[in-house]
C-alpha cells in the first residue's frame, strides 16, 4: 500500500484501476507479448509521469492500478 501523498495545499491518496481488453477478448497475451506489454506500459508511465502500483497481464486482458499526481488530468491518459 502506498503512503499518503502531500503537497503544499493538499493531502491525497488517489489510485485508478484501468482494464485494457482486446477486441472480442481474444487470448493474445502469450509470455513474450505479456513482457512486451509490461515494458510499453512502464515507458508510458515514465513519459507521462505517473506511477504503476500493480500490473497484471492475463491471457485476455490487462489490469493496471496506478497513481497520478493531482495536477495530471486523467482524461489525458485515457486518450493514449
Protein backbone atom coordinates (compact mmCIF):
# COMPACT_ATOMS: atom_id res chain seq x y z
CA UNK A 1 0.00 0.00 0.00
CA UNK A 2 1.40 3.38 -0.97
CA UNK A 3 1.79 6.21 1.52
CA UNK A 4 -0.43 9.26 1.54
CA UNK A 5 0.96 11.95 -0.74
CA UNK A 6 1.29 15.52 0.38
CA UNK A 7 1.69 18.83 -1.39
CA UNK A 8 1.70 22.35 -0.02
CA UNK A 9 -2.09 22.59 -0.11
CA UNK A 10 -3.38 19.02 -0.30
CA UNK A 11 -3.16 15.52 1.13
CA UNK A 12 -4.28 12.74 -1.18
CA UNK A 13 -4.09 9.04 -1.99
CA UNK A 14 -5.72 8.62 -5.40
CA UNK A 15 -5.45 5.31 -7.24
CA UNK A 16 -7.06 4.27 -10.51
CA UNK A 17 -7.95 0.83 -11.86
CA UNK A 18 -7.59 0.54 -15.62
CA UNK A 19 -8.58 -2.62 -17.52
CA UNK A 20 -7.40 -2.94 -21.10
CA UNK A 21 -9.26 -5.60 -23.14
CA UNK A 22 -8.50 -6.55 -26.76
CA UNK A 23 -11.38 -6.81 -29.19
CA UNK A 24 -13.50 -9.94 -28.63
CA UNK A 25 -11.35 -10.77 -25.57
CA UNK A 26 -9.05 -12.92 -27.68
CA UNK A 27 -6.32 -14.75 -25.79
CA UNK A 28 -3.45 -12.69 -27.21
CA UNK A 29 -1.11 -12.32 -24.29
CA UNK A 30 1.49 -15.05 -24.55
CA UNK A 31 4.57 -14.80 -22.33
CA UNK A 32 6.51 -12.79 -24.93
CA UNK A 33 3.66 -10.39 -25.64
CA UNK A 34 2.95 -10.10 -21.93
CA UNK A 35 6.54 -8.99 -21.24
CA UNK A 36 6.42 -6.53 -24.12
CA UNK A 37 3.11 -5.11 -22.86
CA UNK A 38 4.62 -4.54 -19.41
CA UNK A 39 7.60 -2.74 -20.95
CA UNK A 40 5.33 -0.50 -23.01
CA UNK A 41 3.19 0.46 -20.01
CA UNK A 42 6.36 1.19 -17.99
CA UNK A 43 7.64 3.51 -20.75
CA UNK A 44 4.28 5.29 -20.91
CA UNK A 45 4.32 5.72 -17.11
CA UNK A 46 7.79 7.27 -17.24
CA UNK A 47 6.90 9.56 -20.14
CA UNK A 48 3.65 10.84 -18.60
CA UNK A 49 4.97 10.86 -15.02
CA UNK A 50 2.60 8.52 -13.23
CA UNK A 51 3.39 5.56 -11.01
CA UNK A 52 2.25 2.00 -11.66
CA UNK A 53 1.27 0.39 -8.37
CA UNK A 54 0.33 -3.06 -9.71
CA UNK A 55 0.11 -4.54 -13.20
CA UNK A 56 -1.22 -8.00 -14.03
CA UNK A 57 -1.32 -9.30 -17.60
CA UNK A 58 -3.84 -12.09 -18.06
CA UNK A 59 -4.38 -14.14 -21.25
CA UNK A 60 -7.21 -11.90 -22.48
CA UNK A 61 -6.86 -8.57 -20.61
CA UNK A 62 -4.56 -6.33 -18.56
CA UNK A 63 -5.25 -4.92 -15.08
CA UNK A 64 -3.36 -1.78 -14.18
CA UNK A 65 -3.50 0.04 -10.83
CA UNK A 66 -1.77 3.39 -10.99
CA UNK A 67 -1.30 6.62 -9.06
CA UNK A 68 -1.44 10.10 -10.53
CA UNK A 69 -0.23 13.38 -9.16
CA UNK A 70 -3.22 15.59 -8.51
CA UNK A 71 -2.17 18.03 -11.27
CA UNK A 72 -2.30 15.41 -14.04
CA UNK A 73 -5.62 15.06 -15.83
CA UNK A 74 -6.91 11.51 -16.01
CA UNK A 75 -8.68 12.21 -19.29
CA UNK A 76 -5.33 12.88 -20.96
CA UNK A 77 -4.10 9.37 -20.11
CA UNK A 78 -7.23 7.65 -21.39
CA UNK A 79 -6.76 9.31 -24.77
CA UNK A 80 -3.44 7.47 -25.29
